[in-house]
Amino acid sequence: MQAKNSGHALATVLVDELIRNGMTAACLGPGSRSTPLALAFESRPEIRLHVSVDERSAGFLALGLAKMTGIPAAVLTTSGTATANLYPAVIEASHAHVPMIVLTADRPPELRDTGAGQTIDQIKMYGDAVRWFVEVGVAEARSESVSYWRSIACRAFAACRWPSPGPVHLNLAFRNPLIPVADEAGFAHSLDGRPGGAPWTRESHSALQASEEDFERLKIEIEGTERGLLAVGTGLHNAGAILKTARRAAWPVSAEATSNVRTGPPAISTFEALLRQPEFAAGHRPDLVVRLGNLGTSPSLAALLDASVRQISVDPSAWLDPARTLSWMVRADPNQLFGRLAVELGTRFDSGWLSSWTEADARARHTIDAVLDDHGVSEPRIARDLACCLPNGSVLYVGSSMPIRDLDWFMPPRPGIEILANRGANGIDGFVSSVLGAALAQAGPVVGLCGDLTFLHDQNGLLLASQDPVDAVFVVVNNNGGGIFSFLPQAGQPAFERLFGTPHDLDLSRLAATYKCGYELIHDPIELGAAVQRALGLGGVQIIEAGTDRDLNVSFHRLVWESVGRALGRD
């Protein structure tokens, strides 16, 4: 391997070393200063390169790819404000523990603070949101440059994966020429890496295991507690081990939809509905709660888990204690820990604690399904029915605000699908691009469920559909505004519609035509399953719209909770 100039050498070596470490995908926003890296990525068939005119979309595209595969994806921008547009994706990747390598091209130091165009301060611009930052420096034609660049690529790949996955940031200044032509200095040194395509520096690490002392202590805590609860939030969890542990302990499991643990008993699928009933909540306060992952969508669960309830968290890295109620944090991989517990935990006879939960869950499940089935199109029913109708092997990517809550509150147990969401910072940013990133990395069906504002917020992401072959279906719940605000105290304010409701009155069929996507409008909930199957069969990017009413949605949720209350009150 040889290079025409120093910038060409840096770009060639960096991309080569990232490939040696296992990178397979990169996303970029077009620009001039990033030319050396763009050409280097384009020249390597091992990399699937995706181009987006919107850097924010490019960042979330990389996030969706990495979330789906677990392999760090690169996102590349030119200098200036293009780099700032990556910030939302960087924040989400940081909070959601998604590995990502951010490559920002920059002007050389002599052009900074001089009024040169497209030049801003990019040094540590993402602050503590990245796991590691390095100012790579202007490329120089020195013999030690190649080992320096290769070492940086290896360290970046390692730092974004362990011990706490997340984004890393490499700032790369390039002088002219930006294309691979000879300059005065040239680059006379070999660019070769380790023989056999090996990384320059290989890093090995093991999952964080609980100490034997911690394992035994936790085992004793669970075995000694009859009225216990496993609360599982967003994450990549071993559903089989967690549910088996719960059955041995005779504990119920509160499993958020994005935990991918709500696949069968003893997972309680109507947790939110049950805990909204004061008598039930008062009579089912646990003595011990073991928490896995970040709990986020249930206000009733948060109310239950106050400081009077003893709580233990199992997580390898994050400090997940917003209410300051945890008494013990176990720094360990929950999948390994519960894999052992599922085998070694003693089996408890159910004295009535677990059965009281499961019996109430069955009654609430029957009531919820009856109410949903007896009415027309509703946001809870769309969420429930979509989760039920997807074929095995599908990915359901859920948007923030009401869709993720409706899925969490109304989805019955369902194995065979994977549920993803951008719940690191809980924003609506970049949803379309995240779904398409997942679709690029997933062999099976990918369906996104979101509200209209979430969809519109990242409509530029749909531009990918005209550039890359990608199959994805978007089910858009259109209530013409921000539906979640109607549940909040702001709903009573005189200026609510203008400040919070924000109606847009846009025709989504025209938007679909603009981006050359398929489109179907459904009027009856019974049409959803067939519409999804048609869309999956057509391929490409398809949009299914279901119209709802924000005010009716609030009253419908209230009807569901009241119906469950009446059902639990029956003998």
Protein backbone atom coordinates (compact mmCIF):
# COMPACT_ATOMS: atom_id res chain seq x y z
CA MET A 1 0.00 0.00 0.00
CA GLN A 2 1.30 3.42 -0.99
CA ALA A 3 -0.05 6.98 -0.87
CA LYS A 4 0.37 10.13 -2.97
CA ASN A 5 0.39 12.54 -0.04
CA SER A 6 0.12 12.59 3.75
CA GLY A 7 -3.64 13.18 3.89
CA HIS A 8 -4.20 10.35 1.46
CA ALA A 9 -1.98 8.14 3.64
CA LEU A 10 -3.86 8.97 6.84
CA ALA A 11 -7.27 8.26 5.32
CA THR A 12 -6.13 5.03 3.67
CA VAL A 13 -4.49 3.69 6.82
CA LEU A 14 -7.32 4.67 9.15
CA VAL A 15 -10.01 3.01 7.02
CA ASP A 16 -7.87 -0.09 6.49
CA GLU A 17 -7.31 -0.48 10.23
CA LEU A 18 -11.00 -0.01 11.04
CA ILE A 19 -11.79 -2.81 8.57
CA ARG A 20 -9.13 -5.04 10.19
CA ASN A 21 -10.92 -4.50 13.50
CA GLY A 22 -14.25 -5.59 12.06
CA MET A 23 -16.02 -2.49 10.76
CA THR A 24 -18.44 -3.21 7.91
CA ALA A 25 -20.51 -0.02 7.47
CA ALA A 26 -20.02 3.73 7.29
CA CYS A 27 -22.38 6.67 6.80
CA LEU A 28 -21.37 10.08 5.51
CA GLY A 29 -22.68 13.51 4.72
CA PRO A 30 -21.13 15.00 1.55
CA GLY A 31 -18.48 17.68 1.97
CA SER A 32 -15.12 18.84 0.71
CA ARG A 33 -12.83 18.68 3.74
CA SER A 34 -13.73 15.03 4.36
CA THR A 35 -12.79 14.03 0.79
CA PRO A 36 -9.75 11.87 1.71
CA LEU A 37 -11.79 9.70 4.07
CA ALA A 38 -14.83 9.57 1.79
CA LEU A 39 -12.66 8.29 -1.08
CA ALA A 40 -10.93 5.80 1.24
CA PHE A 41 -14.23 4.32 2.40
CA GLU A 42 -15.58 4.24 -1.14
CA SER A 43 -12.53 2.33 -2.37
CA ARG A 44 -13.01 -0.58 0.03
CA PRO A 45 -15.61 -3.22 -0.93
CA GLU A 46 -15.58 -4.52 2.66
CA ILE A 47 -17.45 -1.37 3.72
CA ARG A 48 -21.10 -0.70 2.94
CA LEU A 49 -21.08 3.07 2.47
CA HIS A 50 -24.32 5.03 2.84
CA VAL A 51 -24.60 8.70 1.88
CA SER A 52 -27.09 11.16 3.41
CA VAL A 53 -27.43 14.84 2.61
CA ASP A 54 -28.46 15.49 6.22
CA GLU A 55 -25.71 14.83 8.77
CA ARG A 56 -28.24 14.34 11.55
CA SER A 57 -29.83 11.56 9.53
CA ALA A 58 -26.40 10.08 8.77
CA GLY A 59 -25.64 9.95 12.49
CA PHE A 60 -28.84 8.11 13.32
CA LEU A 61 -28.40 5.81 10.33
CA ALA A 62 -25.05 4.76 11.83
CA LEU A 63 -26.75 4.37 15.21
CA GLY A 64 -29.43 2.08 13.78
CA LEU A 65 -26.81 -0.05 12.02
CA ALA A 66 -24.74 -0.41 15.18
CA LYS A 67 -27.76 -1.05 17.41
CA MET A 68 -28.86 -3.88 15.13
CA THR A 69 -25.46 -5.55 14.68
CA GLY A 70 -23.50 -4.60 17.79
CA ILE A 71 -20.62 -3.69 15.45
CA PRO A 72 -19.43 -0.06 15.56
CA ALA A 73 -20.42 1.91 12.46
CA ALA A 74 -18.59 5.04 11.36
CA VAL A 75 -20.22 8.38 10.60
CA LEU A 76 -18.18 10.94 8.67
CA THR A 77 -18.79 14.65 8.16
CA THR A 78 -17.01 17.62 6.69
CA SER A 79 -15.96 20.52 8.91
CA GLY A 80 -18.10 23.26 10.43
CA THR A 81 -21.77 23.04 11.37
CA ALA A 82 -22.00 19.60 9.75
CA THR A 83 -20.26 18.27 12.85
CA ALA A 84 -22.79 19.92 15.17
CA ASN A 85 -25.63 18.12 13.42
CA LEU A 86 -24.26 14.82 14.72
CA TYR A 87 -24.72 15.83 18.33
CA PRO A 88 -28.23 14.34 18.83
CA ALA A 89 -27.06 10.94 17.52
CA VAL A 90 -23.92 11.12 19.67
CA ILE A 91 -26.02 11.82 22.76
CA GLU A 92 -28.41 8.96 22.00
CA ALA A 93 -25.53 6.55 21.32
CA SER A 94 -23.92 7.57 24.60
CA HIS A 95 -27.02 7.11 26.75
CA ALA A 96 -28.16 3.97 24.92
CA HIS A 97 -24.68 2.40 24.97
CA VAL A 98 -24.43 2.00 21.20
CA PRO A 99 -20.90 1.73 19.74
CA MET A 100 -20.21 4.35 17.08
CA ILE A 101 -17.10 6.03 15.64
CA VAL A 102 -17.54 9.71 14.78
CA LEU A 103 -15.05 11.03 12.22
CA THR A 104 -15.13 14.80 11.81
CA ALA A 105 -12.95 16.37 9.14
CA ASP A 106 -11.43 19.71 10.13
CA ARG A 107 -9.39 22.61 8.76
CA PRO A 108 -5.70 22.58 9.74
CA PRO A 109 -4.64 24.64 12.77
CA GLU A 110 -3.35 27.58 10.71
CA LEU A 111 -6.88 28.22 9.39
CA ARG A 112 -8.66 28.08 12.75
CA ASP A 113 -9.73 31.36 14.38
CA THR A 114 -8.89 33.26 11.21
CA GLY A 115 -12.33 33.69 9.69
CA ALA A 116 -11.76 30.79 7.28
CA GLY A 117 -15.04 29.43 5.93
CA GLN A 118 -16.68 26.35 7.41
CA THR A 119 -14.36 26.40 10.43
CA ILE A 120 -15.55 26.12 14.01
CA ASP A 121 -14.02 24.82 17.24
CA GLN A 122 -14.38 21.04 16.96
CA ILE A 123 -12.04 20.10 19.81
CA LYS A 124 -13.96 17.98 22.34
CA MET A 125 -17.17 19.43 20.92
CA TYR A 126 -19.25 16.48 22.16
CA GLY A 127 -17.91 16.81 25.71
CA ASP A 128 -18.49 13.84 27.99
CA ALA A 129 -20.96 12.25 25.57
CA VAL A 130 -18.08 10.36 23.94
CA ARG A 131 -16.05 7.57 25.51
CA TRP A 132 -12.82 8.91 24.00
CA PHE A 133 -11.76 11.95 21.99
CA VAL A 134 -8.56 12.43 20.04
CA GLU A 135 -7.31 15.30 17.92
CA VAL A 136 -5.48 13.16 15.41
CA GLY A 137 -3.40 16.05 14.09
CA VAL A 138 -2.44 17.06 10.58
CA ALA A 139 -0.97 14.15 8.65
CA GLU A 140 2.81 14.21 8.36
CA ALA A 141 5.13 12.22 6.08
CA ARG A 142 7.06 10.55 8.89
CA SER A 143 8.01 6.91 9.26
CA GLU A 144 6.21 6.58 12.62
CA SER A 145 2.95 8.10 11.31
CA VAL A 146 1.52 4.81 10.05
CA SER A 147 1.88 3.01 13.40
CA TYR A 148 0.38 6.05 15.15
CA TRP A 149 -2.68 6.12 12.88
CA ARG A 150 -3.22 2.36 13.09
CA SER A 151 -2.93 2.45 16.87
CA ILE A 152 -5.53 5.23 17.06
CA ALA A 153 -7.97 3.25 14.91
CA CYS A 154 -7.56 0.18 17.15
CA ARG A 155 -8.00 2.19 20.33
CA ALA A 156 -11.09 3.93 18.94
CA PHE A 157 -12.65 0.60 17.98
CA ALA A 158 -11.93 -0.79 21.44
CA ALA A 159 -13.03 2.31 23.39
CA CYS A 160 -16.46 2.42 21.76
CA ARG A 161 -17.19 -1.17 22.82
CA TRP A 162 -15.76 -1.69 26.29
CA PRO A 163 -16.18 -1.29 29.22
CA SER A 164 -19.22 0.90 28.47
CA PRO A 165 -20.26 0.92 24.80
CA GLY A 166 -20.82 4.32 23.20
CA PRO A 167 -19.46 6.82 20.68
CA VAL A 168 -15.85 7.89 20.22
CA HIS A 169 -14.75 11.03 18.36
CA LEU A 170 -11.76 11.41 16.06
CA ASN A 171 -11.14 14.93 14.76
CA LEU A 172 -9.04 14.84 11.59
CA ALA A 173 -7.48 17.93 10.05
CA PHE A 174 -6.62 17.76 6.36
CA ARG A 175 -4.51 20.15 4.31
CA ASN A 176 -4.77 20.45 0.56
CA PRO A 177 -4.60 18.53 -1.68
CA LEU A 178 -7.69 16.64 -0.59
CA ILE A 179 -7.55 14.17 -3.47
CA PRO A 180 -4.87 11.47 -3.98
CA VAL A 181 -2.38 13.47 -6.06
CA ALA A 182 1.27 14.05 -5.32
CA ASP A 183 2.29 17.16 -3.40
CA GLU A 184 5.74 18.55 -2.58
CA ALA A 185 6.38 16.16 0.33
CA GLY A 186 4.64 13.06 -1.03
CA PHE A 187 4.55 10.02 1.24
CA ALA A 188 7.46 7.68 0.77
CA HIS A 189 6.67 5.24 3.58
CA SER A 190 4.83 1.93 3.37
CA LEU A 191 1.26 1.93 4.64
CA ASP A 192 1.21 -1.80 5.37
CA GLY A 193 -0.36 -3.13 8.54
CA ARG A 194 0.12 -6.41 10.37
CA PRO A 195 0.47 -9.56 8.24
CA GLY A 196 -2.65 -11.52 7.43
CA GLY A 197 -5.04 -8.61 7.86
CA ALA A 198 -4.64 -8.61 11.66
CA PRO A 199 -5.33 -5.45 13.68
CA TRP A 200 -2.29 -3.41 14.67
CA THR A 201 -3.20 -3.84 18.34
CA ARG A 202 -5.68 -6.51 19.34
CA GLU A 203 -7.60 -5.97 22.58
CA SER A 204 -9.24 -8.82 24.48
CA HIS A 205 -11.72 -8.36 27.28
CA SER A 206 -14.28 -10.42 29.12
CA ALA A 207 -17.77 -9.55 30.24
CA LEU A 208 -17.92 -8.15 33.76
CA GLN A 209 -18.69 -11.08 36.03
CA ALA A 210 -20.06 -10.81 39.52
CA SER A 211 -17.67 -11.95 42.19
CA GLU A 212 -18.47 -15.25 43.88
CA GLU A 213 -19.28 -13.31 47.04
CA ASP A 214 -21.73 -11.01 45.21
CA PHE A 215 -23.34 -13.92 43.40
CA GLU A 216 -23.91 -15.84 46.63
CA ARG A 217 -25.23 -12.75 48.40
CA LEU A 218 -27.72 -12.00 45.61
CA LYS A 219 -28.77 -15.66 45.50
CA ILE A 220 -29.43 -15.59 49.25
CA GLU A 221 -31.36 -12.32 48.94
CA ILE A 222 -33.67 -13.78 46.28
CA GLU A 223 -34.11 -17.14 48.01
CA GLY A 224 -34.91 -15.39 51.27
CA THR A 225 -37.59 -13.08 49.84
CA GLU A 226 -41.07 -14.38 49.10
CA ARG A 227 -42.62 -11.11 47.93
CA GLY A 228 -40.08 -10.16 45.30
CA LEU A 229 -40.18 -8.65 41.83
CA LEU A 230 -37.87 -8.69 38.81
CA ALA A 231 -38.14 -5.38 36.94
CA VAL A 232 -36.54 -5.48 33.51
CA GLY A 233 -36.04 -2.38 31.39
CA THR A 234 -34.54 -1.63 28.00
CA GLY A 235 -31.56 -3.76 27.04
CA LEU A 236 -30.31 -6.93 25.39
CA HIS A 237 -31.43 -9.47 27.94
CA ASN A 238 -31.44 -13.27 28.09
CA ALA A 239 -35.18 -13.76 28.36
CA GLY A 240 -34.96 -17.49 28.97
CA ALA A 241 -32.58 -17.17 31.94
CA ILE A 242 -34.50 -14.26 33.50
CA LEU A 243 -37.89 -15.95 33.24
CA LYS A 244 -36.51 -19.26 34.50
CA THR A 245 -34.97 -17.46 37.49
CA ALA A 246 -38.31 -15.79 38.20
CA ARG A 247 -40.14 -19.12 38.05
CA ARG A 248 -37.67 -20.65 40.49
CA ALA A 249 -38.12 -17.69 42.83
CA ALA A 250 -41.91 -17.59 42.27
CA TRP A 251 -41.61 -13.89 41.48
CA PRO A 252 -43.51 -11.89 38.85
CA VAL A 253 -41.56 -10.06 36.16
CA SER A 254 -42.24 -6.51 35.07
CA ALA A 255 -40.77 -6.57 31.55
CA GLU A 256 -40.87 -3.44 29.42
CA ALA A 257 -41.52 -4.18 25.76
CA THR A 258 -38.00 -3.08 24.80
CA SER A 259 -36.50 -5.54 27.28
CA ASN A 260 -37.46 -8.35 24.88
CA VAL A 261 -38.22 -10.43 27.99
CA ARG A 262 -42.02 -10.24 27.70
CA THR A 263 -42.15 -13.60 25.94
CA GLY A 264 -44.16 -15.73 28.36
CA PRO A 265 -44.92 -16.43 32.03
CA PRO A 266 -44.26 -15.14 34.60
CA ALA A 267 -43.90 -11.84 32.70
CA ILE A 268 -46.83 -9.58 33.61
CA SER A 269 -48.00 -7.79 30.46
CA THR A 270 -50.60 -5.56 32.13
CA PHE A 271 -48.31 -4.13 34.79
CA GLU A 272 -49.25 -0.51 34.14
CA ALA A 273 -52.98 -1.23 34.24
CA LEU A 274 -52.71 -3.22 37.48
CA LEU A 275 -50.60 -0.66 39.31
CA ARG A 276 -52.99 2.14 38.34
CA GLN A 277 -55.52 0.47 40.64
CA PRO A 278 -54.85 1.83 44.18
CA GLU A 279 -56.08 -1.26 46.04
CA PHE A 280 -54.05 -3.64 43.92
CA ALA A 281 -50.91 -1.51 44.15
CA ALA A 282 -51.23 -1.20 47.94
CA GLY A 283 -51.67 -4.94 48.36
CA HIS A 284 -48.80 -5.88 46.05
CA ARG A 285 -45.88 -3.87 47.34
CA PRO A 286 -42.81 -6.08 47.04
CA ASP A 287 -40.23 -6.51 49.79
CA LEU A 288 -37.37 -6.70 47.29
CA VAL A 289 -37.00 -5.60 43.66
CA VAL A 290 -34.11 -6.69 41.47
CA ARG A 291 -33.76 -4.30 38.54
CA LEU A 292 -32.11 -4.94 35.19
CA GLY A 293 -31.59 -2.15 32.67
CA ASN A 294 -33.13 1.30 32.62
CA LEU A 295 -36.79 1.51 33.68
CA GLY A 296 -38.48 4.37 31.91
CA THR A 297 -42.04 4.25 30.61
CA SER A 298 -44.21 3.28 33.59
CA PRO A 299 -45.17 6.09 36.00
CA SER A 300 -47.03 3.57 38.16
CA LEU A 301 -43.98 1.34 38.55
CA ALA A 302 -41.90 4.39 39.44
CA ALA A 303 -44.45 5.29 42.12
CA LEU A 304 -44.36 1.75 43.48
CA LEU A 305 -40.56 1.69 43.72
CA ASP A 306 -40.18 4.37 46.37
CA ALA A 307 -37.53 4.48 49.05
CA SER A 308 -39.47 2.09 51.30
CA VAL A 309 -38.92 -0.79 48.86
CA ARG A 310 -35.49 -2.44 48.98
CA GLN A 311 -33.97 -2.40 45.47
CA ILE A 312 -30.94 -3.95 43.81
CA SER A 313 -29.68 -3.06 40.34
CA VAL A 314 -27.68 -5.38 38.09
CA ASP A 315 -25.88 -3.49 35.33
CA PRO A 316 -22.30 -3.62 34.02
CA SER A 317 -21.66 0.12 33.85
CA ALA A 318 -24.52 2.64 34.18
CA TRP A 319 -25.63 4.37 37.38
CA LEU A 320 -29.39 3.87 37.01
CA ASP A 321 -30.90 5.50 40.07
CA PRO A 322 -32.81 8.72 39.25
CA ALA A 323 -35.01 8.43 42.37
CA ARG A 324 -32.05 7.60 44.67
CA THR A 325 -33.71 4.42 45.94
CA LEU A 326 -31.12 1.71 45.21
CA SER A 327 -29.48 0.00 48.16
CA TRP A 328 -27.02 -2.11 46.14
CA MET A 329 -25.59 -1.92 42.62
CA VAL A 330 -24.10 -5.12 41.24
CA ARG A 331 -21.56 -4.26 38.53
CA ALA A 332 -21.92 -7.34 36.35
CA ASP A 333 -23.27 -8.64 33.07
CA PRO A 334 -26.91 -9.51 33.91
CA ASN A 335 -27.05 -12.23 31.27
CA GLN A 336 -24.14 -14.14 32.82
CA LEU A 337 -25.42 -13.58 36.33
CA PHE A 338 -28.96 -14.74 35.57
CA GLY A 339 -27.63 -17.61 33.52
CA ARG A 340 -26.12 -18.93 36.76
CA LEU A 341 -29.15 -18.05 38.89
CA ALA A 342 -31.44 -19.93 36.51
CA VAL A 343 -29.47 -23.09 37.27
CA GLU A 344 -28.35 -22.67 40.88
CA LEU A 345 -31.23 -20.80 42.53
CA GLY A 346 -33.37 -22.87 44.84
CA THR A 347 -36.98 -23.46 43.78
CA ARG A 348 -39.65 -21.88 45.97
CA PHE A 349 -43.21 -23.14 46.27
CA ASP A 350 -45.62 -20.37 45.28
CA SER A 351 -47.46 -19.44 48.45
CA GLY A 352 -49.82 -17.15 46.53
CA TRP A 353 -47.63 -14.12 45.77
CA LEU A 354 -46.90 -15.01 42.15
CA SER A 355 -50.35 -16.47 41.47
CA SER A 356 -52.02 -13.29 42.75
CA TRP A 357 -50.12 -11.40 40.07
CA THR A 358 -50.71 -13.85 37.26
CA GLU A 359 -54.42 -14.21 38.01
CA ALA A 360 -54.88 -10.45 38.07
CA ASP A 361 -52.83 -10.19 34.88
CA ALA A 362 -55.08 -12.70 33.11
CA ARG A 363 -58.19 -10.80 34.18
CA ALA A 364 -56.72 -7.45 33.13
CA ARG A 365 -55.46 -8.90 29.83
CA HIS A 366 -58.95 -10.18 28.98
CA THR A 367 -60.50 -6.81 29.86
CA ILE A 368 -57.96 -4.74 27.91
CA ASP A 369 -58.31 -6.89 24.81
CA ALA A 370 -62.11 -6.72 25.00
CA VAL A 371 -62.11 -2.91 25.28
CA LEU A 372 -59.61 -2.54 22.43
CA ASP A 373 -61.53 -4.94 20.20
CA ASP A 374 -64.88 -3.25 20.86
CA HIS A 375 -63.73 0.13 19.55
CA GLY A 376 -62.43 1.39 16.22
CA VAL A 377 -58.96 2.66 15.44
CA SER A 378 -57.13 3.56 18.64
CA GLU A 379 -53.48 4.12 19.39
CA PRO A 380 -53.33 1.35 22.02
CA ARG A 381 -54.90 -1.13 19.61
CA ILE A 382 -52.51 -0.25 16.79
CA ALA A 383 -49.55 -0.88 19.10
CA ARG A 384 -50.98 -4.16 20.40
CA ASP A 385 -52.07 -5.48 17.01
CA LEU A 386 -48.84 -4.54 15.26
CA ALA A 387 -46.76 -6.46 17.80
CA CYS A 388 -49.06 -9.46 17.37
CA CYS A 389 -49.23 -9.53 13.56
CA LEU A 390 -45.54 -9.35 12.69
CA PRO A 391 -43.95 -12.57 11.44
CA ASN A 392 -41.31 -14.31 13.52
CA GLY A 393 -37.85 -12.90 12.89
CA SER A 394 -39.14 -9.32 12.57
CA VAL A 395 -37.69 -6.22 14.18
CA LEU A 396 -40.18 -3.71 15.59
CA TYR A 397 -38.54 -0.30 16.06
CA VAL A 398 -40.71 1.95 18.22
CA GLY A 399 -40.73 5.75 18.42
CA SER A 400 -40.75 7.77 21.62
CA SER A 401 -43.70 9.62 23.19
CA MET A 402 -46.98 7.65 23.09
CA PRO A 403 -46.10 4.72 20.74
CA ILE A 404 -43.48 3.28 23.10
CA ARG A 405 -45.84 3.72 26.05
CA ASP A 406 -48.77 2.12 24.24
CA LEU A 407 -46.62 -0.83 23.25
CA ASP A 408 -45.33 -1.19 26.79
CA TRP A 409 -48.75 -0.88 28.36
CA PHE A 410 -50.82 -2.99 25.97
CA MET A 411 -48.59 -5.53 24.21
CA PRO A 412 -49.30 -9.15 25.26
CA PRO A 413 -46.42 -11.62 25.68
CA ARG A 414 -44.86 -12.29 22.30
CA PRO A 415 -41.76 -14.31 21.44
CA GLY A 416 -40.14 -14.33 18.01
CA ILE A 417 -39.62 -10.60 17.41
CA GLU A 418 -37.00 -8.09 18.52
CA ILE A 419 -38.12 -4.70 19.80
CA LEU A 420 -35.81 -1.69 19.53
CA ALA A 421 -36.22 1.96 20.47
CA ASN A 422 -34.08 5.05 20.93
CA ARG A 423 -34.56 5.21 24.69
CA GLY A 424 -31.15 6.52 25.67
CA ALA A 425 -32.23 10.15 25.77
CA ASN A 426 -35.89 9.37 24.93
CA GLY A 427 -36.00 11.87 22.06
CA ILE A 428 -37.85 11.69 18.77
CA ASP A 429 -34.75 12.72 16.79
CA GLY A 430 -33.57 10.57 13.92
CA PHE A 431 -36.25 7.90 14.14
CA VAL A 432 -36.67 7.32 10.40
CA SER A 433 -32.91 7.05 9.89
CA SER A 434 -32.49 4.71 12.86
CA VAL A 435 -35.14 2.36 11.45
CA LEU A 436 -33.52 2.38 8.03
CA GLY A 437 -30.12 1.74 9.60
CA ALA A 438 -31.54 -1.31 11.35
CA ALA A 439 -33.18 -2.41 8.09
CA LEU A 440 -29.86 -2.20 6.24
CA ALA A 441 -28.36 -4.60 8.78
CA GLN A 442 -31.31 -6.97 9.23
CA ALA A 443 -32.16 -9.86 6.93
CA GLY A 444 -35.78 -10.13 8.14
CA PRO A 445 -38.66 -7.65 8.17
CA VAL A 446 -38.19 -4.29 9.89
CA VAL A 447 -41.24 -2.24 10.89
CA GLY A 448 -41.20 1.17 12.56
CA LEU A 449 -44.08 2.41 14.73
CA CYS A 450 -44.18 6.13 15.43
CA GLY A 451 -46.31 9.23 15.73
CA ASP A 452 -46.66 11.84 13.02
CA LEU A 453 -44.32 14.41 14.59
CA THR A 454 -41.61 11.80 15.09
CA PHE A 455 -41.96 10.80 11.45
CA LEU A 456 -41.90 14.37 10.15
CA HIS A 457 -38.97 15.32 12.37
CA ASP A 458 -36.66 13.03 10.38
CA GLN A 459 -38.35 12.93 6.99
CA ASN A 460 -34.99 13.67 5.33
CA GLY A 461 -34.03 10.15 6.34
CA LEU A 462 -36.38 8.90 3.62
CA LEU A 463 -33.94 10.18 1.01
CA LEU A 464 -31.96 7.00 1.62
CA ALA A 465 -34.73 5.03 -0.06
CA SER A 466 -33.80 6.51 -3.45
CA GLN A 467 -30.08 5.77 -3.02
CA ASP A 468 -29.79 2.41 -1.26
CA PRO A 469 -31.86 -0.75 -1.62
CA VAL A 470 -33.59 -0.95 1.74
CA ASP A 471 -36.84 -2.58 2.85
CA ALA A 472 -38.76 -1.08 5.78
CA VAL A 473 -42.36 -0.40 6.74
CA PHE A 474 -43.42 2.63 8.78
CA VAL A 475 -46.73 2.53 10.63
CA VAL A 476 -47.48 6.19 11.39
CA VAL A 477 -50.12 7.05 13.98
CA ASN A 478 -51.28 10.48 12.81
CA ASN A 479 -53.12 12.53 15.43
CA ASN A 480 -52.03 15.79 13.78
CA GLY A 481 -49.69 16.92 16.52
CA GLY A 482 -47.99 16.04 19.78
CA GLY A 483 -50.36 13.55 21.34
CA ILE A 484 -48.41 12.94 24.54
CA PHE A 485 -48.92 16.54 25.69
CA SER A 486 -52.67 15.95 25.88
CA PHE A 487 -52.01 13.69 28.88
CA LEU A 488 -50.10 16.41 30.75
CA PRO A 489 -51.32 19.37 32.84
CA GLN A 490 -50.42 21.71 29.97
CA ALA A 491 -53.51 20.45 28.14
CA GLY A 492 -55.66 22.86 30.10
CA GLN A 493 -53.77 25.97 29.05
CA PRO A 494 -55.47 28.42 26.63
CA ALA A 495 -52.51 28.39 24.20
CA PHE A 496 -52.17 24.60 24.30
CA GLU A 497 -52.68 23.93 20.60
CA ARG A 498 -50.18 26.53 19.45
CA LEU A 499 -47.50 25.78 22.03
CA PHE A 500 -47.84 22.03 22.57
CA GLY A 501 -50.39 20.44 20.25
CA THR A 502 -48.62 21.90 17.19
CA PRO A 503 -50.98 20.67 14.46
CA HIS A 504 -49.30 20.46 11.05
CA ASP A 505 -52.21 19.52 8.74
CA LEU A 506 -49.84 17.77 6.31
CA ASP A 507 -50.90 15.12 3.81
CA LEU A 508 -48.63 12.11 4.40
CA SER A 509 -49.59 10.59 1.06
CA ARG A 510 -47.98 13.55 -0.69
CA LEU A 511 -44.91 13.26 1.47
CA ALA A 512 -44.65 9.57 0.55
CA ALA A 513 -44.89 10.47 -3.14
CA THR A 514 -42.17 13.10 -2.76
CA TYR A 515 -39.76 10.52 -1.40
CA LYS A 516 -40.99 7.81 -3.79
CA CYS A 517 -42.27 5.57 -1.00
CA GLY A 518 -45.31 3.35 -1.02
CA TYR A 519 -48.34 4.51 0.93
CA GLU A 520 -51.59 3.12 2.34
CA LEU A 521 -54.19 4.70 4.62
CA ILE A 522 -56.18 2.41 6.90
CA HIS A 523 -59.53 3.34 8.46
CA ASP A 524 -60.35 0.19 10.41
CA PRO A 525 -57.98 -1.59 12.83
CA ILE A 526 -58.83 -4.92 11.28
CA GLU A 527 -57.04 -3.69 8.14
CA LEU A 528 -53.67 -3.30 9.86
CA GLY A 529 -52.40 -6.87 9.66
CA ALA A 530 -53.20 -7.25 5.97
CA ALA A 531 -51.74 -3.81 5.20
CA VAL A 532 -48.48 -4.71 6.94
CA GLN A 533 -48.23 -7.99 5.06
CA ARG A 534 -48.84 -6.23 1.73
CA ALA A 535 -46.21 -3.61 2.55
CA LEU A 536 -43.64 -6.24 3.52
CA GLY A 537 -44.34 -8.09 0.29
CA LEU A 538 -43.89 -4.99 -1.87
CA GLY A 539 -40.40 -4.24 -0.52
CA GLY A 540 -38.74 -0.83 -0.48
CA VAL A 541 -39.90 1.80 1.99
CA GLN A 542 -43.64 1.64 2.63
CA ILE A 543 -45.75 3.98 4.79
CA ILE A 544 -49.00 2.92 6.47
CA GLU A 545 -50.98 5.75 8.03
CA ALA A 546 -53.67 5.42 10.69
CA GLY A 547 -55.50 8.57 11.72
CA THR A 548 -56.51 9.10 15.36
CA ASP A 549 -57.87 11.91 17.53
CA ARG A 550 -55.79 13.33 20.38
CA ASP A 551 -58.70 14.16 22.70
CA LEU A 552 -60.40 10.83 22.14
CA ASN A 553 -57.10 9.09 22.78
CA VAL A 554 -56.91 10.54 26.28
CA SER A 555 -60.45 9.48 27.13
CA PHE A 556 -59.87 6.03 25.62
CA HIS A 557 -56.86 5.39 27.83
CA ARG A 558 -58.95 6.45 30.81
CA LEU A 559 -61.68 4.01 29.74
CA VAL A 560 -59.17 1.16 29.64
CA TRP A 561 -57.83 1.86 33.13
CA GLU A 562 -61.35 2.18 34.56
CA SER A 563 -62.45 -1.05 32.89
CA VAL A 564 -59.53 -2.92 34.42
CA GLY A 565 -60.41 -1.46 37.82
CA ARG A 566 -63.99 -2.75 37.54
CA ALA A 567 -62.74 -6.16 36.40
CA LEU A 568 -60.40 -6.49 39.38
CA GLY A 569 -63.22 -5.50 41.71
CA ARG A 570 -65.38 -8.45 40.65
CA ASP A 571 -65.52 -11.63 42.69
